[in-house]
N, C-alpha and C. Protein backbone atom coordinates (compact mmCIF):
# COMPACT_ATOMS: atom_id res chain seq x y z
N MET A 1 113.60 42.18 133.48
CA MET A 1 112.29 42.69 133.18
C MET A 1 111.97 43.88 134.08
N LYS A 2 112.37 43.75 135.36
CA LYS A 2 112.11 44.82 136.30
C LYS A 2 112.86 46.09 135.88
N THR A 3 114.08 45.91 135.41
CA THR A 3 114.88 47.04 134.98
C THR A 3 114.24 47.71 133.76
N LEU A 4 113.72 46.91 132.86
CA LEU A 4 113.07 47.45 131.67
C LEU A 4 111.85 48.28 132.05
N ARG A 5 111.07 47.81 133.01
CA ARG A 5 109.90 48.57 133.47
C ARG A 5 110.34 49.88 134.13
N LEU A 6 111.40 49.81 134.93
CA LEU A 6 111.91 51.01 135.59
C LEU A 6 112.38 52.04 134.56
N ILE A 7 113.08 51.58 133.54
CA ILE A 7 113.55 52.49 132.48
C ILE A 7 112.36 53.09 131.74
N ALA A 8 111.36 52.29 131.45
CA ALA A 8 110.18 52.78 130.74
C ALA A 8 109.44 53.82 131.60
N ALA A 9 109.33 53.56 132.89
CA ALA A 9 108.64 54.50 133.78
C ALA A 9 109.42 55.81 133.87
N LEU A 10 110.73 55.73 134.03
CA LEU A 10 111.54 56.94 134.11
C LEU A 10 111.52 57.73 132.80
N SER A 11 111.52 57.01 131.68
CA SER A 11 111.45 57.69 130.39
C SER A 11 110.12 58.42 130.24
N GLY A 12 109.05 57.78 130.67
CA GLY A 12 107.74 58.42 130.61
C GLY A 12 107.68 59.66 131.47
N LEU A 13 108.25 59.59 132.66
CA LEU A 13 108.29 60.77 133.53
C LEU A 13 109.14 61.87 132.93
N ALA A 14 110.25 61.49 132.33
CA ALA A 14 111.13 62.49 131.72
C ALA A 14 110.42 63.21 130.58
N LEU A 15 109.55 62.51 129.86
CA LEU A 15 108.80 63.14 128.78
C LEU A 15 107.74 64.10 129.32
N LEU A 16 107.27 63.87 130.53
CA LEU A 16 106.24 64.72 131.11
C LEU A 16 106.80 66.00 131.73
N ILE A 17 108.08 66.03 132.03
CA ILE A 17 108.67 67.19 132.69
C ILE A 17 108.48 68.48 131.87
N PRO A 18 108.75 68.49 130.55
CA PRO A 18 108.52 69.73 129.82
C PRO A 18 107.06 70.18 129.86
N VAL A 19 106.12 69.24 129.91
CA VAL A 19 104.71 69.59 129.96
C VAL A 19 104.38 70.24 131.29
N ALA A 20 105.09 69.89 132.35
CA ALA A 20 104.84 70.49 133.66
C ALA A 20 105.11 71.98 133.63
N GLY A 21 106.11 72.39 132.85
CA GLY A 21 106.39 73.82 132.72
C GLY A 21 105.25 74.54 132.03
N MET A 22 104.54 73.85 131.18
CA MET A 22 103.43 74.45 130.47
C MET A 22 102.17 74.44 131.32
N ALA A 23 102.22 73.80 132.48
CA ALA A 23 101.04 73.71 133.31
C ALA A 23 100.62 75.06 133.86
N GLN A 24 101.50 76.05 133.75
CA GLN A 24 101.14 77.39 134.19
C GLN A 24 99.97 77.87 133.35
N SER A 25 98.93 78.30 134.01
CA SER A 25 97.81 78.83 133.26
C SER A 25 98.09 80.29 132.93
N PRO A 26 97.43 80.82 131.91
CA PRO A 26 97.63 82.24 131.58
C PRO A 26 97.32 83.15 132.76
N ASP A 27 96.39 82.74 133.63
CA ASP A 27 96.09 83.55 134.80
C ASP A 27 97.28 83.59 135.75
N ASP A 28 97.99 82.46 135.90
CA ASP A 28 99.18 82.44 136.75
C ASP A 28 100.25 83.37 136.18
N ILE A 29 100.41 83.35 134.88
CA ILE A 29 101.41 84.18 134.23
C ILE A 29 101.04 85.65 134.42
N LYS A 30 99.77 85.94 134.32
CA LYS A 30 99.30 87.32 134.46
C LYS A 30 99.60 87.86 135.85
N ASP A 31 99.56 86.99 136.86
CA ASP A 31 99.79 87.42 138.23
C ASP A 31 101.26 87.54 138.60
N MET A 32 102.16 87.12 137.70
CA MET A 32 103.59 87.20 137.98
C MET A 32 104.07 88.64 137.83
N SER A 33 105.16 88.94 138.52
CA SER A 33 105.79 90.25 138.31
C SER A 33 106.44 90.23 136.93
N PRO A 34 106.74 91.39 136.37
CA PRO A 34 107.37 91.40 135.04
C PRO A 34 108.67 90.59 135.00
N GLN A 35 109.46 90.66 136.07
CA GLN A 35 110.71 89.90 136.09
C GLN A 35 110.44 88.40 136.13
N GLU A 36 109.48 87.98 136.97
CA GLU A 36 109.14 86.56 137.05
C GLU A 36 108.60 86.06 135.72
N ARG A 37 107.75 86.87 135.07
CA ARG A 37 107.17 86.50 133.79
C ARG A 37 108.26 86.35 132.74
N GLN A 38 109.21 87.30 132.74
CA GLN A 38 110.30 87.24 131.77
C GLN A 38 111.14 85.98 131.98
N GLU A 39 111.48 85.69 133.23
CA GLU A 39 112.27 84.50 133.53
C GLU A 39 111.52 83.23 133.14
N PHE A 40 110.22 83.20 133.44
CA PHE A 40 109.42 82.03 133.09
C PHE A 40 109.38 81.82 131.58
N LEU A 41 109.11 82.88 130.84
CA LEU A 41 109.01 82.75 129.39
C LEU A 41 110.35 82.40 128.77
N GLN A 42 111.45 82.92 129.33
CA GLN A 42 112.77 82.56 128.81
C GLN A 42 113.12 81.11 129.11
N SER A 43 112.53 80.56 130.17
CA SER A 43 112.82 79.16 130.51
C SER A 43 112.10 78.19 129.58
N LEU A 44 111.10 78.67 128.85
CA LEU A 44 110.35 77.81 127.94
C LEU A 44 111.10 77.63 126.63
N SER A 45 110.88 76.49 126.01
CA SER A 45 111.45 76.28 124.68
C SER A 45 110.61 77.07 123.67
N GLN A 46 111.11 77.19 122.46
CA GLN A 46 110.38 77.92 121.42
C GLN A 46 109.02 77.27 121.17
N GLU A 47 108.96 75.95 121.18
CA GLU A 47 107.70 75.24 120.95
C GLU A 47 106.72 75.50 122.08
N GLU A 48 107.22 75.54 123.32
CA GLU A 48 106.35 75.80 124.47
C GLU A 48 105.81 77.23 124.43
N ARG A 49 106.66 78.17 124.03
CA ARG A 49 106.20 79.56 123.91
C ARG A 49 105.13 79.68 122.83
N GLN A 50 105.34 79.00 121.71
CA GLN A 50 104.36 79.05 120.63
C GLN A 50 103.05 78.41 121.07
N ALA A 51 103.13 77.30 121.80
CA ALA A 51 101.93 76.64 122.28
C ALA A 51 101.17 77.54 123.26
N LEU A 52 101.91 78.21 124.12
CA LEU A 52 101.28 79.12 125.08
C LEU A 52 100.62 80.29 124.35
N ALA A 53 101.30 80.82 123.34
CA ALA A 53 100.73 81.93 122.56
C ALA A 53 99.45 81.48 121.85
N GLU A 54 99.47 80.28 121.29
CA GLU A 54 98.28 79.76 120.61
C GLU A 54 97.13 79.57 121.60
N LYS A 55 97.46 79.09 122.79
CA LYS A 55 96.43 78.90 123.81
C LYS A 55 95.82 80.24 124.20
N ARG A 56 96.67 81.24 124.41
CA ARG A 56 96.18 82.58 124.77
C ARG A 56 95.35 83.17 123.64
N ARG A 57 95.81 82.97 122.40
CA ARG A 57 95.07 83.49 121.25
C ARG A 57 93.70 82.84 121.15
N ALA A 58 93.64 81.54 121.36
CA ALA A 58 92.36 80.84 121.31
C ALA A 58 91.42 81.33 122.40
N GLN A 59 91.95 81.57 123.58
CA GLN A 59 91.13 82.10 124.67
C GLN A 59 90.61 83.49 124.31
N TRP A 60 91.46 84.31 123.72
CA TRP A 60 91.07 85.67 123.34
C TRP A 60 89.95 85.62 122.30
N GLU A 61 90.12 84.76 121.31
CA GLU A 61 89.12 84.67 120.24
C GLU A 61 87.80 84.11 120.74
N ALA A 62 87.83 83.33 121.83
CA ALA A 62 86.61 82.76 122.39
C ALA A 62 85.85 83.76 123.25
N MET A 63 86.47 84.89 123.57
CA MET A 63 85.82 85.89 124.43
C MET A 63 84.75 86.66 123.66
N THR A 64 83.77 87.12 124.39
CA THR A 64 82.78 88.03 123.82
C THR A 64 83.42 89.42 123.72
N SER A 65 82.79 90.32 122.98
CA SER A 65 83.36 91.66 122.84
C SER A 65 83.40 92.38 124.19
N GLU A 66 82.42 92.12 125.06
CA GLU A 66 82.43 92.74 126.39
C GLU A 66 83.60 92.23 127.22
N GLU A 67 83.86 90.92 127.14
CA GLU A 67 84.99 90.35 127.88
C GLU A 67 86.31 90.90 127.36
N ARG A 68 86.40 91.06 126.04
CA ARG A 68 87.63 91.63 125.46
C ARG A 68 87.84 93.06 125.92
N ASP A 69 86.76 93.85 125.94
CA ASP A 69 86.88 95.23 126.41
C ASP A 69 87.34 95.27 127.86
N ALA A 70 86.78 94.39 128.69
CA ALA A 70 87.19 94.33 130.10
C ALA A 70 88.65 93.91 130.21
N ALA A 71 89.07 92.95 129.39
CA ALA A 71 90.46 92.50 129.41
C ALA A 71 91.40 93.62 128.96
N ARG A 72 91.00 94.37 127.94
CA ARG A 72 91.83 95.49 127.48
C ARG A 72 91.98 96.54 128.58
N LYS A 73 90.86 96.82 129.27
CA LYS A 73 90.91 97.79 130.35
C LYS A 73 91.86 97.32 131.45
N GLU A 74 91.77 96.03 131.79
CA GLU A 74 92.65 95.46 132.81
C GLU A 74 94.11 95.54 132.38
N MET A 75 94.38 95.26 131.09
CA MET A 75 95.76 95.32 130.60
C MET A 75 96.30 96.75 130.67
N ARG A 76 95.47 97.73 130.32
CA ARG A 76 95.91 99.13 130.40
C ARG A 76 96.25 99.50 131.84
N GLU A 77 95.39 99.08 132.77
CA GLU A 77 95.63 99.39 134.18
C GLU A 77 96.92 98.73 134.67
N ARG A 78 97.11 97.47 134.29
CA ARG A 78 98.33 96.75 134.69
C ARG A 78 99.57 97.40 134.07
N ARG A 79 99.44 97.83 132.82
CA ARG A 79 100.57 98.48 132.15
C ARG A 79 100.96 99.75 132.89
N GLU A 80 99.97 100.54 133.28
CA GLU A 80 100.26 101.76 134.02
C GLU A 80 100.90 101.46 135.37
N GLU A 81 100.41 100.42 136.04
CA GLU A 81 101.01 100.03 137.32
C GLU A 81 102.46 99.61 137.12
N ASN A 82 102.72 98.82 136.08
CA ASN A 82 104.08 98.37 135.81
C ASN A 82 105.00 99.54 135.46
N ARG A 83 104.49 100.47 134.67
CA ARG A 83 105.29 101.64 134.32
C ARG A 83 105.61 102.47 135.55
N ALA A 84 104.61 102.63 136.42
CA ALA A 84 104.84 103.40 137.65
C ALA A 84 105.88 102.70 138.52
N ALA A 85 105.80 101.36 138.60
CA ALA A 85 106.77 100.62 139.40
C ALA A 85 108.17 100.74 138.80
N MET A 86 108.25 100.70 137.47
CA MET A 86 109.56 100.85 136.83
C MET A 86 110.14 102.25 137.07
N ARG A 87 109.29 103.27 136.97
CA ARG A 87 109.75 104.63 137.24
C ARG A 87 110.23 104.76 138.68
N GLU A 88 109.46 104.20 139.60
CA GLU A 88 109.83 104.26 141.02
C GLU A 88 111.16 103.54 141.25
N HIS A 89 111.32 102.37 140.61
CA HIS A 89 112.57 101.63 140.74
C HIS A 89 113.74 102.44 140.18
N TRP A 90 113.55 103.03 139.00
CA TRP A 90 114.61 103.83 138.38
C TRP A 90 114.99 105.00 139.27
N ASP A 91 113.98 105.67 139.82
CA ASP A 91 114.25 106.81 140.68
C ASP A 91 114.98 106.42 141.96
N SER A 92 114.78 105.18 142.40
CA SER A 92 115.43 104.73 143.63
C SER A 92 116.88 104.32 143.43
N LEU A 93 117.31 104.17 142.17
CA LEU A 93 118.67 103.74 141.88
C LEU A 93 119.67 104.88 142.07
N SER A 94 120.87 104.49 142.46
CA SER A 94 121.95 105.48 142.54
C SER A 94 122.46 105.74 141.12
N GLU A 95 123.25 106.77 140.97
CA GLU A 95 123.81 107.09 139.65
C GLU A 95 124.69 105.95 139.14
N GLU A 96 125.41 105.29 140.05
CA GLU A 96 126.26 104.17 139.64
C GLU A 96 125.41 103.00 139.11
N GLU A 97 124.30 102.72 139.79
CA GLU A 97 123.42 101.64 139.34
C GLU A 97 122.78 101.98 138.00
N ARG A 98 122.39 103.23 137.84
CA ARG A 98 121.82 103.65 136.56
C ARG A 98 122.85 103.52 135.44
N ALA A 99 124.08 103.93 135.74
CA ALA A 99 125.15 103.84 134.75
C ALA A 99 125.40 102.38 134.37
N ALA A 100 125.35 101.49 135.37
CA ALA A 100 125.55 100.06 135.09
C ALA A 100 124.43 99.53 134.19
N LEU A 101 123.19 99.94 134.46
CA LEU A 101 122.07 99.49 133.63
C LEU A 101 122.18 100.05 132.21
N ARG A 102 122.60 101.30 132.10
CA ARG A 102 122.78 101.88 130.77
C ARG A 102 123.87 101.12 130.00
N GLU A 103 124.95 100.78 130.70
CA GLU A 103 126.03 100.03 130.06
C GLU A 103 125.55 98.65 129.62
N LYS A 104 124.77 98.01 130.47
CA LYS A 104 124.22 96.69 130.12
C LYS A 104 123.34 96.79 128.88
N ARG A 105 122.52 97.82 128.82
CA ARG A 105 121.65 98.02 127.65
C ARG A 105 122.48 98.29 126.40
N ARG A 106 123.52 99.10 126.56
CA ARG A 106 124.40 99.39 125.42
C ARG A 106 125.06 98.12 124.91
N GLU A 107 125.51 97.26 125.82
CA GLU A 107 126.13 95.99 125.43
C GLU A 107 125.13 95.10 124.70
N GLN A 108 123.88 95.07 125.18
CA GLN A 108 122.86 94.27 124.51
C GLN A 108 122.60 94.79 123.10
N GLN A 109 122.56 96.12 122.95
CA GLN A 109 122.36 96.70 121.63
C GLN A 109 123.52 96.37 120.70
N GLU A 110 124.74 96.44 121.23
CA GLU A 110 125.91 96.09 120.43
C GLU A 110 125.87 94.62 120.01
N LYS A 111 125.44 93.76 120.93
CA LYS A 111 125.35 92.33 120.63
C LYS A 111 124.33 92.09 119.50
N ARG A 112 123.18 92.78 119.58
CA ARG A 112 122.18 92.64 118.52
C ARG A 112 122.70 93.18 117.20
N ARG A 113 123.40 94.31 117.26
CA ARG A 113 123.95 94.90 116.05
C ARG A 113 124.98 93.96 115.43
N GLU A 114 125.82 93.35 116.25
CA GLU A 114 126.82 92.41 115.74
C GLU A 114 126.15 91.20 115.11
N LEU A 115 125.10 90.71 115.76
CA LEU A 115 124.35 89.58 115.21
C LEU A 115 123.78 89.95 113.85
N TRP A 116 123.22 91.15 113.74
CA TRP A 116 122.65 91.62 112.48
C TRP A 116 123.74 91.73 111.41
N ASN A 117 124.88 92.31 111.79
CA ASN A 117 125.97 92.49 110.82
C ASN A 117 126.54 91.16 110.34
N ASN A 118 126.42 90.11 111.15
CA ASN A 118 126.95 88.80 110.76
C ASN A 118 125.95 87.96 109.98
N MET A 119 124.74 88.48 109.79
CA MET A 119 123.73 87.75 109.03
C MET A 119 124.00 87.88 107.53
N SER A 120 123.61 86.83 106.81
CA SER A 120 123.66 86.91 105.35
C SER A 120 122.48 87.75 104.89
N GLU A 121 122.48 88.13 103.64
CA GLU A 121 121.37 88.93 103.10
C GLU A 121 120.06 88.17 103.18
N GLU A 122 120.11 86.84 102.98
CA GLU A 122 118.90 86.03 103.06
C GLU A 122 118.35 86.02 104.50
N GLU A 123 119.26 85.91 105.47
CA GLU A 123 118.83 85.92 106.87
C GLU A 123 118.25 87.29 107.25
N ARG A 124 118.87 88.35 106.75
CA ARG A 124 118.35 89.69 107.02
C ARG A 124 116.96 89.87 106.42
N ALA A 125 116.80 89.38 105.19
CA ALA A 125 115.50 89.49 104.54
C ALA A 125 114.44 88.72 105.32
N ALA A 126 114.80 87.54 105.79
CA ALA A 126 113.87 86.74 106.59
C ALA A 126 113.54 87.45 107.90
N ALA A 127 114.54 88.05 108.54
CA ALA A 127 114.31 88.78 109.79
C ALA A 127 113.42 89.99 109.55
N ARG A 128 113.66 90.71 108.46
CA ARG A 128 112.82 91.86 108.14
C ARG A 128 111.37 91.43 107.92
N GLU A 129 111.20 90.34 107.18
CA GLU A 129 109.85 89.83 106.92
C GLU A 129 109.17 89.42 108.22
N HIS A 130 109.92 88.77 109.10
CA HIS A 130 109.36 88.37 110.40
C HIS A 130 108.93 89.59 111.19
N MET A 131 109.77 90.62 111.23
CA MET A 131 109.42 91.85 111.96
C MET A 131 108.21 92.52 111.32
N ARG A 132 108.15 92.52 109.99
CA ARG A 132 107.02 93.12 109.28
C ARG A 132 105.72 92.37 109.61
N GLU A 133 105.78 91.04 109.64
CA GLU A 133 104.60 90.24 109.96
C GLU A 133 104.13 90.52 111.39
N ARG A 134 105.06 90.60 112.33
CA ARG A 134 104.68 90.88 113.72
C ARG A 134 104.06 92.27 113.83
N ARG A 135 104.64 93.24 113.14
CA ARG A 135 104.10 94.60 113.18
C ARG A 135 102.70 94.63 112.58
N ASP A 136 102.53 93.98 111.44
CA ASP A 136 101.22 93.97 110.78
C ASP A 136 100.19 93.23 111.61
N MET A 137 100.60 92.15 112.25
CA MET A 137 99.67 91.39 113.09
C MET A 137 99.22 92.26 114.27
N ALA A 138 100.14 93.00 114.86
CA ALA A 138 99.79 93.87 115.97
C ALA A 138 98.83 94.97 115.50
N ARG A 139 99.08 95.51 114.34
CA ARG A 139 98.19 96.55 113.80
C ARG A 139 96.81 95.98 113.51
N ASP A 140 96.77 94.78 112.93
CA ASP A 140 95.49 94.16 112.59
C ASP A 140 94.66 93.89 113.83
N LYS A 141 95.32 93.57 114.92
CA LYS A 141 94.60 93.27 116.14
C LYS A 141 94.26 94.51 116.94
N GLY A 142 94.67 95.67 116.46
CA GLY A 142 94.32 96.91 117.11
C GLY A 142 95.23 97.29 118.27
N HIS A 143 96.39 96.64 118.36
CA HIS A 143 97.30 96.97 119.46
C HIS A 143 97.89 98.35 119.29
N LYS A 144 98.16 98.72 118.06
CA LYS A 144 98.72 100.03 117.81
C LYS A 144 97.70 100.80 116.99
N LYS A 145 97.15 101.79 117.58
CA LYS A 145 96.17 102.60 116.87
C LYS A 145 96.93 103.70 116.15
N ARG A 146 96.72 103.75 114.86
CA ARG A 146 97.41 104.76 114.07
C ARG A 146 96.53 105.98 113.94
N ARG A 147 97.15 107.11 114.08
CA ARG A 147 96.44 108.36 113.88
C ARG A 147 96.52 108.73 112.40
N PRO A 148 95.49 109.39 111.91
CA PRO A 148 95.60 109.85 110.51
C PRO A 148 96.70 110.89 110.41
N PRO A 149 97.36 110.97 109.29
CA PRO A 149 98.44 111.95 109.15
C PRO A 149 97.91 113.37 109.31
N GLN A 150 98.69 114.17 109.99
CA GLN A 150 98.32 115.56 110.21
C GLN A 150 98.75 116.38 108.99
N LYS A 151 97.88 117.27 108.56
CA LYS A 151 98.23 118.12 107.44
C LYS A 151 99.06 119.27 107.97
N ARG A 152 100.11 119.55 107.28
CA ARG A 152 100.98 120.66 107.67
C ARG A 152 100.47 121.94 107.03
N THR A 153 100.51 122.95 107.82
CA THR A 153 100.18 124.26 107.27
C THR A 153 101.44 125.12 107.35
N THR A 154 101.72 125.77 106.28
CA THR A 154 102.90 126.64 106.27
C THR A 154 102.44 128.08 106.38
N ASP A 155 103.06 128.79 107.25
CA ASP A 155 102.70 130.19 107.44
C ASP A 155 103.71 131.09 106.79
């Protein structure tokens, strides 16, 4: 009986371990460096990432328009800081390190291209639809502001 209770307790704890990873609040994630954030998000399962996205979306929708404007301003500032840090990091690299990073990026692109080439037409269609939905969702939320088309004048 004691063994059964021990097994039940350990099983219960084992079930709680994935939830502990989700205990990170969006504020904690926001304070992480881009590398830490990337590692954290990659460590989550697909379900945990979806749950986190839903939680963030619900928080966003619960904000007033003033809070959203303040959050957008903060995101722009953080984006500029991150870009400046990335530029500074890139400038600090030697030519060999830059070449290694370029090679790594090229390999990643080749890997994605190979994955795409090995997909069936149905998988490609599903991937295209998924990309289209993500693009449209971003546009609907105002993430990408589109400019009206410029009229060309010929001289």
